[in-house]
Amino acid sequence: MTDLAALTALCPPPAAVPPAPDWSEVEEALGTGLPRDYKELVAAYGPGRFCGFVTLYQPHAPNRWTDLTGPLPTRLRGGIEEVRQAARTPWPLPWHGAVGPGP
């Protein structure tokens, strides 16, 4: 039994799911490949949330909050990239209470 089969046995997918997008077009727009199991999950369930905890983003979803190519994920990706860029520059360490140049 695959992981997806086990999941669908526990949590049946909705009866109506939007059609899967053209994945090569989406991957080109995002500038990255997407995992096969993610694509299978989207095909089975469509966009939405599991128990209000895990959000499943789908390209071109009808809701802008779950649209992988929409404004919210784009903002999240931008924020992640900012953090990645900032991490490349070492941050000075504070030497609280140190006398002299530090340890």
PDB file of N, CA and C in Angstrom:
ATOM      1  N   MET A   1       0.850  -1.180   0.000  1.00  0.00           N
ATOM      2  CA  MET A   1       0.000   0.000   0.000  1.00  0.00           C
ATOM      3  C   MET A   1       0.895   1.244   0.000  1.00  0.00           C
ATOM      4  N   THR A   2       0.590   2.166  -0.881  1.00  0.00           N
ATOM      5  CA  THR A   2       1.368   3.405  -0.946  1.00  0.00           C
ATOM      6  C   THR A   2       0.945   4.347   0.165  1.00  0.00           C
ATOM      7  N   ASP A   3       1.751   5.371   0.408  1.00  0.00           N
ATOM      8  CA  ASP A   3       1.404   6.375   1.409  1.00  0.00           C
ATOM      9  C   ASP A   3       0.106   7.078   1.048  1.00  0.00           C
ATOM     10  N   LEU A   4      -0.085   7.371  -0.239  1.00  0.00           N
ATOM     11  CA  LEU A   4      -1.311   8.035  -0.672  1.00  0.00           C
ATOM     12  C   LEU A   4      -2.515   7.131  -0.474  1.00  0.00           C
ATOM     13  N   ALA A   5      -2.379   5.848  -0.753  1.00  0.00           N
ATOM     14  CA  ALA A   5      -3.476   4.903  -0.538  1.00  0.00           C
ATOM     15  C   ALA A   5      -3.831   4.820   0.948  1.00  0.00           C
ATOM     16  N   ALA A   6      -2.819   4.825   1.799  1.00  0.00           N
ATOM     17  CA  ALA A   6      -3.072   4.796   3.246  1.00  0.00           C
ATOM     18  C   ALA A   6      -3.784   6.066   3.686  1.00  0.00           C
ATOM     19  N   LEU A   7      -3.371   7.207   3.158  1.00  0.00           N
ATOM     20  CA  LEU A   7      -4.014   8.467   3.517  1.00  0.00           C
ATOM     21  C   LEU A   7      -5.458   8.507   3.045  1.00  0.00           C
ATOM     22  N   THR A   8      -5.700   8.112   1.805  1.00  0.00           N
ATOM     23  CA  THR A   8      -7.077   8.154   1.288  1.00  0.00           C
ATOM     24  C   THR A   8      -7.977   7.149   2.002  1.00  0.00           C
ATOM     25  N   ALA A   9      -7.408   6.078   2.545  1.00  0.00           N
ATOM     26  CA  ALA A   9      -8.200   5.141   3.342  1.00  0.00           C
ATOM     27  C   ALA A   9      -8.634   5.785   4.653  1.00  0.00           C
ATOM     28  N   LEU A  10      -7.748   6.590   5.251  1.00  0.00           N
ATOM     29  CA  LEU A  10      -8.062   7.280   6.506  1.00  0.00           C
ATOM     30  C   LEU A  10      -8.922   8.521   6.290  1.00  0.00           C
ATOM     31  N   CYS A  11      -8.639   9.240   5.216  1.00  0.00           N
ATOM     32  CA  CYS A  11      -9.305  10.509   4.948  1.00  0.00           C
ATOM     33  C   CYS A  11      -9.694  10.551   3.463  1.00  0.00           C
ATOM     34  N   PRO A  12     -10.894  10.092   3.140  1.00  0.00           N
ATOM     35  CA  PRO A  12     -11.287  10.061   1.728  1.00  0.00           C
ATOM     36  C   PRO A  12     -11.239  11.451   1.095  1.00  0.00           C
ATOM     37  N   PRO A  13     -10.740  11.538  -0.133  1.00  0.00           N
ATOM     38  CA  PRO A  13     -10.683  12.826  -0.815  1.00  0.00           C
ATOM     39  C   PRO A  13     -12.082  13.319  -1.183  1.00  0.00           C
ATOM     40  N   PRO A  14     -12.222  14.604  -1.465  1.00  0.00           N
ATOM     41  CA  PRO A  14     -13.530  15.124  -1.859  1.00  0.00           C
ATOM     42  C   PRO A  14     -13.973  14.520  -3.195  1.00  0.00           C
ATOM     43  N   ALA A  15     -15.290  14.529  -3.417  1.00  0.00           N
ATOM     44  CA  ALA A  15     -15.841  13.954  -4.645  1.00  0.00           C
ATOM     45  C   ALA A  15     -15.428  14.760  -5.874  1.00  0.00           C
ATOM     46  N   ALA A  16     -15.390  16.085  -5.741  1.00  0.00           N
ATOM     47  CA  ALA A  16     -15.029  16.943  -6.874  1.00  0.00           C
ATOM     48  C   ALA A  16     -13.711  17.654  -6.574  1.00  0.00           C
ATOM     49  N   VAL A  17     -12.750  17.448  -7.429  1.00  0.00           N
ATOM     50  CA  VAL A  17     -11.432  18.065  -7.293  1.00  0.00           C
ATOM     51  C   VAL A  17     -11.126  18.807  -8.591  1.00  0.00           C
ATOM     52  N   PRO A  18     -10.590  20.029  -8.496  1.00  0.00           N
ATOM     53  CA  PRO A  18     -10.217  20.733  -9.733  1.00  0.00           C
ATOM     54  C   PRO A  18      -9.207  19.911 -10.529  1.00  0.00           C
ATOM     55  N   PRO A  19      -9.234  20.031 -11.845  1.00  0.00           N
ATOM     56  CA  PRO A  19      -8.265  19.271 -12.647  1.00  0.00           C
ATOM     57  C   PRO A  19      -6.827  19.695 -12.334  1.00  0.00           C
ATOM     58  N   ALA A  20      -5.932  18.737 -12.428  1.00  0.00           N
ATOM     59  CA  ALA A  20      -4.519  19.021 -12.182  1.00  0.00           C
ATOM     60  C   ALA A  20      -4.002  19.975 -13.250  1.00  0.00           C
ATOM     61  N   PRO A  21      -3.106  20.867 -12.868  1.00  0.00           N
ATOM     62  CA  PRO A  21      -2.553  21.826 -13.837  1.00  0.00           C
ATOM     63  C   PRO A  21      -1.514  21.180 -14.743  1.00  0.00           C
ATOM     64  N   ASP A  22      -1.044  21.938 -15.690  1.00  0.00           N
ATOM     65  CA  ASP A  22       0.090  21.536 -16.522  1.00  0.00           C
ATOM     66  C   ASP A  22       1.335  21.729 -15.658  1.00  0.00           C
ATOM     67  N   TRP A  23       1.846  20.630 -15.103  1.00  0.00           N
ATOM     68  CA  TRP A  23       2.933  20.719 -14.130  1.00  0.00           C
ATOM     69  C   TRP A  23       4.200  21.321 -14.714  1.00  0.00           C
ATOM     70  N   SER A  24       4.514  21.031 -15.969  1.00  0.00           N
ATOM     71  CA  SER A  24       5.741  21.596 -16.547  1.00  0.00           C
ATOM     72  C   SER A  24       5.635  23.123 -16.629  1.00  0.00           C
ATOM     73  N   GLU A  25       4.458  23.633 -16.934  1.00  0.00           N
ATOM     74  CA  GLU A  25       4.248  25.087 -16.978  1.00  0.00           C
ATOM     75  C   GLU A  25       4.401  25.700 -15.587  1.00  0.00           C
ATOM     76  N   VAL A  26       3.846  25.032 -14.587  1.00  0.00           N
ATOM     77  CA  VAL A  26       3.925  25.526 -13.205  1.00  0.00           C
ATOM     78  C   VAL A  26       5.363  25.506 -12.715  1.00  0.00           C
ATOM     79  N   GLU A  27       6.068  24.414 -12.963  1.00  0.00           N
ATOM     80  CA  GLU A  27       7.456  24.304 -12.520  1.00  0.00           C
ATOM     81  C   GLU A  27       8.343  25.348 -13.200  1.00  0.00           C
ATOM     82  N   GLU A  28       8.053  25.637 -14.449  1.00  0.00           N
ATOM     83  CA  GLU A  28       8.811  26.674 -15.143  1.00  0.00           C
ATOM     84  C   GLU A  28       8.530  28.043 -14.519  1.00  0.00           C
ATOM     85  N   ALA A  29       7.274  28.309 -14.192  1.00  0.00           N
ATOM     86  CA  ALA A  29       6.912  29.597 -13.577  1.00  0.00           C
ATOM     87  C   ALA A  29       7.535  29.744 -12.190  1.00  0.00           C
ATOM     88  N   LEU A  30       7.586  28.654 -11.430  1.00  0.00           N
ATOM     89  CA  LEU A  30       8.161  28.693 -10.085  1.00  0.00           C
ATOM     90  C   LEU A  30       9.689  28.647 -10.107  1.00  0.00           C
ATOM     91  N   GLY A  31      10.249  28.162 -11.193  1.00  0.00           N
ATOM     92  CA  GLY A  31      11.699  28.048 -11.286  1.00  0.00           C
ATOM     93  C   GLY A  31      12.257  26.856 -10.533  1.00  0.00           C
ATOM     94  N   THR A  32      11.413  25.858 -10.291  1.00  0.00           N
ATOM     95  CA  THR A  32      11.855  24.662  -9.567  1.00  0.00           C
ATOM     96  C   THR A  32      10.931  23.494  -9.884  1.00  0.00           C
ATOM     97  N   GLY A  33      11.468  22.298  -9.761  1.00  0.00           N
ATOM     98  CA  GLY A  33      10.651  21.103  -9.917  1.00  0.00           C
ATOM     99  C   GLY A  33       9.858  20.841  -8.651  1.00  0.00           C
ATOM    100  N   LEU A  34       8.780  20.110  -8.786  1.00  0.00           N
ATOM    101  CA  LEU A  34       7.938  19.766  -7.633  1.00  0.00           C
ATOM    102  C   LEU A  34       7.952  18.251  -7.436  1.00  0.00           C
ATOM    103  N   PRO A  35       7.900  17.794  -6.196  1.00  0.00           N
ATOM    104  CA  PRO A  35       7.959  16.350  -5.923  1.00  0.00           C
ATOM    105  C   PRO A  35       6.760  15.599  -6.510  1.00  0.00           C
ATOM    106  N   ARG A  36       7.029  14.388  -6.974  1.00  0.00           N
ATOM    107  CA  ARG A  36       5.990  13.534  -7.559  1.00  0.00           C
ATOM    108  C   ARG A  36       4.860  13.274  -6.562  1.00  0.00           C
ATOM    109  N   ASP A  37       5.200  13.008  -5.303  1.00  0.00           N
ATOM    110  CA  ASP A  37       4.144  12.704  -4.332  1.00  0.00           C
ATOM    111  C   ASP A  37       3.263  13.927  -4.048  1.00  0.00           C
ATOM    112  N   TYR A  38       3.831  15.130  -4.129  1.00  0.00           N
ATOM    113  CA  TYR A  38       3.019  16.346  -3.984  1.00  0.00           C
ATOM    114  C   TYR A  38       2.008  16.429  -5.117  1.00  0.00           C
ATOM    115  N   LYS A  39       2.461  16.161  -6.337  1.00  0.00           N
ATOM    116  CA  LYS A  39       1.566  16.215  -7.492  1.00  0.00           C
ATOM    117  C   LYS A  39       0.437  15.190  -7.355  1.00  0.00           C
ATOM    118  N   GLU A  40       0.758  13.999  -6.867  1.00  0.00           N
ATOM    119  CA  GLU A  40      -0.261  12.964  -6.657  1.00  0.00           C
ATOM    120  C   GLU A  40      -1.249  13.387  -5.574  1.00  0.00           C
ATOM    121  N   LEU A  41      -0.769  14.011  -4.520  1.00  0.00           N
ATOM    122  CA  LEU A  41      -1.626  14.486  -3.437  1.00  0.00           C
ATOM    123  C   LEU A  41      -2.588  15.562  -3.934  1.00  0.00           C
ATOM    124  N   VAL A  42      -2.076  16.509  -4.724  1.00  0.00           N
ATOM    125  CA  VAL A  42      -2.908  17.565  -5.292  1.00  0.00           C
ATOM    126  C   VAL A  42      -3.951  16.972  -6.232  1.00  0.00           C
ATOM    127  N   ALA A  43      -3.549  15.984  -7.033  1.00  0.00           N
ATOM    128  CA  ALA A  43      -4.496  15.352  -7.958  1.00  0.00           C
ATOM    129  C   ALA A  43      -5.621  14.646  -7.208  1.00  0.00           C
ATOM    130  N   ALA A  44      -5.295  14.072  -6.047  1.00  0.00           N
ATOM    131  CA  ALA A  44      -6.309  13.342  -5.273  1.00  0.00           C
ATOM    132  C   ALA A  44      -7.210  14.265  -4.459  1.00  0.00           C
ATOM    133  N   TYR A  45      -6.646  15.317  -3.853  1.00  0.00           N
ATOM    134  CA  TYR A  45      -7.400  16.140  -2.916  1.00  0.00           C
ATOM    135  C   TYR A  45      -7.726  17.551  -3.402  1.00  0.00           C
ATOM    136  N   GLY A  46      -6.923  18.090  -4.294  1.00  0.00           N
ATOM    137  CA  GLY A  46      -7.119  19.483  -4.682  1.00  0.00           C
ATOM    138  C   GLY A  46      -6.620  20.397  -3.579  1.00  0.00           C
ATOM    139  N   PRO A  47      -6.853  21.710  -3.710  1.00  0.00           N
ATOM    140  CA  PRO A  47      -6.359  22.652  -2.704  1.00  0.00           C
ATOM    141  C   PRO A  47      -7.214  22.613  -1.444  1.00  0.00           C
ATOM    142  N   GLY A  48      -6.634  23.023  -0.337  1.00  0.00           N
ATOM    143  CA  GLY A  48      -7.389  23.099   0.916  1.00  0.00           C
ATOM    144  C   GLY A  48      -6.513  22.829   2.122  1.00  0.00           C
ATOM    145  N   ARG A  49      -7.191  22.489   3.229  1.00  0.00           N
ATOM    146  CA  ARG A  49      -6.473  22.263   4.481  1.00  0.00           C
ATOM    147  C   ARG A  49      -6.893  20.944   5.096  1.00  0.00           C
ATOM    148  N   PHE A  50      -5.956  20.326   5.795  1.00  0.00           N
ATOM    149  CA  PHE A  50      -6.230  19.131   6.572  1.00  0.00           C
ATOM    150  C   PHE A  50      -6.365  19.552   8.024  1.00  0.00           C
ATOM    151  N   CYS A  51      -7.543  19.414   8.571  1.00  0.00           N
ATOM    152  CA  CYS A  51      -7.824  19.710   9.982  1.00  0.00           C
ATOM    153  C   CYS A  51      -7.397  21.121  10.381  1.00  0.00           C
ATOM    154  N   GLY A  52      -7.410  22.056   9.460  1.00  0.00           N
ATOM    155  CA  GLY A  52      -7.025  23.424   9.766  1.00  0.00           C
ATOM    156  C   GLY A  52      -5.553  23.565  10.119  1.00  0.00           C
ATOM    157  N   PHE A  53      -4.743  22.554   9.794  1.00  0.00           N
ATOM    158  CA  PHE A  53      -3.342  22.563  10.205  1.00  0.00           C
ATOM    159  C   PHE A  53      -2.389  22.567   9.015  1.00  0.00           C
ATOM    160  N   VAL A  54      -2.562  21.652   8.080  1.00  0.00           N
ATOM    161  CA  VAL A  54      -1.684  21.542   6.919  1.00  0.00           C
ATOM    162  C   VAL A  54      -2.423  22.092   5.710  1.00  0.00           C
ATOM    163  N   THR A  55      -1.837  23.090   5.065  1.00  0.00           N
ATOM    164  CA  THR A  55      -2.439  23.678   3.870  1.00  0.00           C
ATOM    165  C   THR A  55      -1.822  23.052   2.635  1.00  0.00           C
ATOM    166  N   LEU A  56      -2.682  22.608   1.734  1.00  0.00           N
ATOM    167  CA  LEU A  56      -2.238  22.028   0.472  1.00  0.00           C
ATOM    168  C   LEU A  56      -2.453  23.066  -0.616  1.00  0.00           C
ATOM    169  N   TYR A  57      -1.360  23.663  -1.074  1.00  0.00           N
ATOM    170  CA  TYR A  57      -1.422  24.670  -2.123  1.00  0.00           C
ATOM    171  C   TYR A  57      -1.456  23.985  -3.483  1.00  0.00           C
ATOM    172  N   GLN A  58      -2.295  24.489  -4.379  1.00  0.00           N
ATOM    173  CA  GLN A  58      -2.375  23.965  -5.738  1.00  0.00           C
ATOM    174  C   GLN A  58      -2.230  25.125  -6.718  1.00  0.00           C
ATOM    175  N   PRO A  59      -1.473  24.929  -7.783  1.00  0.00           N
ATOM    176  CA  PRO A  59      -1.369  25.992  -8.782  1.00  0.00           C
ATOM    177  C   PRO A  59      -2.741  26.334  -9.365  1.00  0.00           C
ATOM    178  N   HIS A  60      -2.992  27.611  -9.512  1.00  0.00           N
ATOM    179  CA  HIS A  60      -4.235  28.114 -10.114  1.00  0.00           C
ATOM    180  C   HIS A  60      -5.484  27.675  -9.352  1.00  0.00           C
ATOM    181  N   ALA A  61      -5.366  27.530  -8.033  1.00  0.00           N
ATOM    182  CA  ALA A  61      -6.514  27.141  -7.209  1.00  0.00           C
ATOM    183  C   ALA A  61      -7.569  28.244  -7.249  1.00  0.00           C
ATOM    184  N   PRO A  62      -8.832  27.889  -7.049  1.00  0.00           N
ATOM    185  CA  PRO A  62      -9.886  28.905  -7.085  1.00  0.00           C
ATOM    186  C   PRO A  62      -9.820  29.910  -5.932  1.00  0.00           C
ATOM    187  N   ASN A  63      -9.137  29.562  -4.860  1.00  0.00           N
ATOM    188  CA  ASN A  63      -9.012  30.439  -3.699  1.00  0.00           C
ATOM    189  C   ASN A  63      -7.594  30.993  -3.664  1.00  0.00           C
ATOM    190  N   ARG A  64      -7.450  32.319  -3.571  1.00  0.00           N
ATOM    191  CA  ARG A  64      -6.107  32.918  -3.604  1.00  0.00           C
ATOM    192  C   ARG A  64      -5.237  32.494  -2.431  1.00  0.00           C
ATOM    193  N   TRP A  65      -5.844  32.030  -1.331  1.00  0.00           N
ATOM    194  CA  TRP A  65      -5.065  31.643  -0.155  1.00  0.00           C
ATOM    195  C   TRP A  65      -4.453  30.257  -0.302  1.00  0.00           C
ATOM    196  N   THR A  66      -4.953  29.450  -1.233  1.00  0.00           N
ATOM    197  CA  THR A  66      -4.384  28.119  -1.457  1.00  0.00           C
ATOM    198  C   THR A  66      -3.802  27.972  -2.857  1.00  0.00           C
ATOM    199  N   ASP A  67      -3.641  29.084  -3.561  1.00  0.00           N
ATOM    200  CA  ASP A  67      -3.094  29.077  -4.912  1.00  0.00           C
ATOM    201  C   ASP A  67      -1.574  29.125  -4.842  1.00  0.00           C
ATOM    202  N   LEU A  68      -0.919  28.040  -5.245  1.00  0.00           N
ATOM    203  CA  LEU A  68       0.545  27.950  -5.184  1.00  0.00           C
ATOM    204  C   LEU A  68       1.212  29.047  -5.987  1.00  0.00           C
ATOM    205  N   THR A  69       0.578  29.491  -7.046  1.00  0.00           N
ATOM    206  CA  THR A  69       1.151  30.534  -7.887  1.00  0.00           C
ATOM    207  C   THR A  69       0.526  31.895  -7.606  1.00  0.00           C
ATOM    208  N   GLY A  70      -0.244  32.000  -6.524  1.00  0.00           N
ATOM    209  CA  GLY A  70      -0.939  33.233  -6.173  1.00  0.00           C
ATOM    210  C   GLY A  70      -0.130  34.137  -5.255  1.00  0.00           C
ATOM    211  N   PRO A  71      -0.786  35.174  -4.703  1.00  0.00           N
ATOM    212  CA  PRO A  71      -0.067  36.191  -3.932  1.00  0.00           C
ATOM    213  C   PRO A  71       0.500  35.712  -2.594  1.00  0.00           C
ATOM    214  N   LEU A  72      -0.222  34.892  -1.856  1.00  0.00           N
ATOM    215  CA  LEU A  72       0.279  34.484  -0.534  1.00  0.00           C
ATOM    216  C   LEU A  72       1.538  33.626  -0.637  1.00  0.00           C
ATOM    217  N   PRO A  73       1.533  32.532  -1.394  1.00  0.00           N
ATOM    218  CA  PRO A  73       2.772  31.756  -1.503  1.00  0.00           C
ATOM    219  C   PRO A  73       3.925  32.551  -2.102  1.00  0.00           C
ATOM    220  N   THR A  74       3.621  33.468  -3.014  1.00  0.00           N
ATOM    221  CA  THR A  74       4.671  34.302  -3.591  1.00  0.00           C
ATOM    222  C   THR A  74       5.308  35.155  -2.506  1.00  0.00           C
ATOM    223  N   ARG A  75       4.488  35.733  -1.621  1.00  0.00           N
ATOM    224  CA  ARG A  75       5.028  36.521  -0.506  1.00  0.00           C
ATOM    225  C   ARG A  75       5.848  35.645   0.431  1.00  0.00           C
ATOM    226  N   LEU A  76       5.370  34.420   0.698  1.00  0.00           N
ATOM    227  CA  LEU A  76       6.112  33.511   1.574  1.00  0.00           C
ATOM    228  C   LEU A  76       7.456  33.153   0.954  1.00  0.00           C
ATOM    229  N   ARG A  77       7.464  32.836  -0.349  1.00  0.00           N
ATOM    230  CA  ARG A  77       8.728  32.514  -1.015  1.00  0.00           C
ATOM    231  C   ARG A  77       9.676  33.706  -0.969  1.00  0.00           C
ATOM    232  N   GLY A  78       9.153  34.927  -1.139  1.00  0.00           N
ATOM    233  CA  GLY A  78       9.992  36.125  -1.055  1.00  0.00           C
ATOM    234  C   GLY A  78      10.600  36.281   0.317  1.00  0.00           C
ATOM    235  N   GLY A  79       9.806  36.041   1.362  1.00  0.00           N
ATOM    236  CA  GLY A  79      10.316  36.127   2.730  1.00  0.00           C
ATOM    237  C   GLY A  79      11.374  35.085   3.017  1.00  0.00           C
ATOM    238  N   ILE A  80      11.170  33.884   2.509  1.00  0.00           N
ATOM    239  CA  ILE A  80      12.161  32.821   2.697  1.00  0.00           C
ATOM    240  C   ILE A  80      13.466  33.192   2.005  1.00  0.00           C
ATOM    241  N   GLU A  81      13.363  33.756   0.809  1.00  0.00           N
ATOM    242  CA  GLU A  81      14.577  34.159   0.085  1.00  0.00           C
ATOM    243  C   GLU A  81      15.318  35.274   0.823  1.00  0.00           C
ATOM    244  N   GLU A  82      14.578  36.209   1.425  1.00  0.00           N
ATOM    245  CA  GLU A  82      15.220  37.268   2.209  1.00  0.00           C
ATOM    246  C   GLU A  82      16.004  36.684   3.372  1.00  0.00           C
ATOM    247  N   VAL A  83      15.417  35.708   4.056  1.00  0.00           N
ATOM    248  CA  VAL A  83      16.098  35.066   5.180  1.00  0.00           C
ATOM    249  C   VAL A  83      17.339  34.327   4.688  1.00  0.00           C
ATOM    250  N   ARG A  84      17.231  33.630   3.551  1.00  0.00           N
ATOM    251  CA  ARG A  84      18.386  32.919   2.995  1.00  0.00           C
ATOM    252  C   ARG A  84      19.516  33.892   2.666  1.00  0.00           C
ATOM    253  N   GLN A  85      19.188  35.017   2.068  1.00  0.00           N
ATOM    254  CA  GLN A  85      20.207  36.004   1.720  1.00  0.00           C
ATOM    255  C   GLN A  85      20.842  36.593   2.979  1.00  0.00           C
ATOM    256  N   ALA A  86      20.026  36.890   3.981  1.00  0.00           N
ATOM    257  CA  ALA A  86      20.548  37.459   5.226  1.00  0.00           C
ATOM    258  C   ALA A  86      21.458  36.458   5.945  1.00  0.00           C
ATOM    259  N   ALA A  87      21.160  35.174   5.822  1.00  0.00           N
ATOM    260  CA  ALA A  87      21.960  34.150   6.493  1.00  0.00           C
ATOM    261  C   ALA A  87      23.352  34.025   5.868  1.00  0.00           C
ATOM    262  N   ARG A  88      23.510  34.508   4.656  1.00  0.00           N
ATOM    263  CA  ARG A  88      24.821  34.445   3.999  1.00  0.00           C
ATOM    264  C   ARG A  88      25.783  35.489   4.550  1.00  0.00           C
ATOM    265  N   THR A  89      25.247  36.504   5.217  1.00  0.00           N
ATOM    266  CA  THR A  89      26.068  37.551   5.816  1.00  0.00           C
ATOM    267  C   THR A  89      26.162  37.286   7.311  1.00  0.00           C
ATOM    268  N   PRO A  90      27.358  37.074   7.844  1.00  0.00           N
ATOM    269  CA  PRO A  90      27.474  36.797   9.280  1.00  0.00           C
ATOM    270  C   PRO A  90      26.971  37.969  10.125  1.00  0.00           C
ATOM    271  N   TRP A  91      26.300  37.630  11.179  1.00  0.00           N
ATOM    272  CA  TRP A  91      25.793  38.649  12.087  1.00  0.00           C
ATOM    273  C   TRP A  91      26.820  38.862  13.195  1.00  0.00           C
ATOM    274  N   PRO A  92      27.042  40.103  13.614  1.00  0.00           N
ATOM    275  CA  PRO A  92      27.967  40.323  14.727  1.00  0.00           C
ATOM    276  C   PRO A  92      27.376  39.762  16.024  1.00  0.00           C
ATOM    277  N   LEU A  93      28.222  39.159  16.821  1.00  0.00           N
ATOM    278  CA  LEU A  93      27.764  38.612  18.104  1.00  0.00           C
ATOM    279  C   LEU A  93      27.861  39.677  19.184  1.00  0.00           C
ATOM    280  N   PRO A  94      26.812  39.837  19.957  1.00  0.00           N
ATOM    281  CA  PRO A  94      26.875  40.818  21.050  1.00  0.00           C
ATOM    282  C   PRO A  94      27.693  40.242  22.217  1.00  0.00           C
ATOM    283  N   TRP A  95      28.524  41.044  22.773  1.00  0.00           N
ATOM    284  CA  TRP A  95      29.340  40.622  23.906  1.00  0.00           C
ATOM    285  C   TRP A  95      28.864  41.369  25.144  1.00  0.00           C
ATOM    286  N   HIS A  96      27.727  40.986  25.648  1.00  0.00           N
ATOM    287  CA  HIS A  96      27.128  41.650  26.810  1.00  0.00           C
ATOM    288  C   HIS A  96      28.000  41.438  28.048  1.00  0.00           C
ATOM    289  N   GLY A  97      28.348  42.516  28.653  1.00  0.00           N
ATOM    290  CA  GLY A  97      29.095  42.444  29.893  1.00  0.00           C
ATOM    291  C   GLY A  97      30.584  42.161  29.718  1.00  0.00           C
ATOM    292  N   ALA A  98      31.025  41.998  28.468  1.00  0.00           N
ATOM    293  CA  ALA A  98      32.435  41.686  28.253  1.00  0.00           C
ATOM    294  C   ALA A  98      33.282  42.945  28.385  1.00  0.00           C
ATOM    295  N   VAL A  99      34.430  42.787  28.928  1.00  0.00           N
ATOM    296  CA  VAL A  99      35.393  43.897  29.038  1.00  0.00           C
ATOM    297  C   VAL A  99      36.452  43.654  27.979  1.00  0.00           C
ATOM    298  N   GLY A 100      36.668  44.614  27.135  1.00  0.00           N
ATOM    299  CA  GLY A 100      37.661  44.450  26.076  1.00  0.00           C
ATOM    300  C   GLY A 100      37.004  43.967  24.802  1.00  0.00           C
ATOM    301  N   PRO A 101      37.800  43.362  23.917  1.00  0.00           N
ATOM    302  CA  PRO A 101      37.302  42.992  22.596  1.00  0.00           C
ATOM    303  C   PRO A 101      36.397  41.764  22.584  1.00  0.00           C
ATOM    304  N   GLY A 102      36.197  41.121  23.683  1.00  0.00           N
ATOM    305  CA  GLY A 102      35.361  39.910  23.728  1.00  0.00           C
ATOM    306  C   GLY A 102      36.213  38.684  23.919  1.00  0.00           C
ATOM    307  N   PRO A 103      35.595  37.548  24.049  1.00  0.00           N
ATOM    308  CA  PRO A 103      36.339  36.313  24.334  1.00  0.00           C
ATOM    309  C   PRO A 103      37.240  35.880  23.210  1.00  0.00           C
TER     310      PRO A 103
END
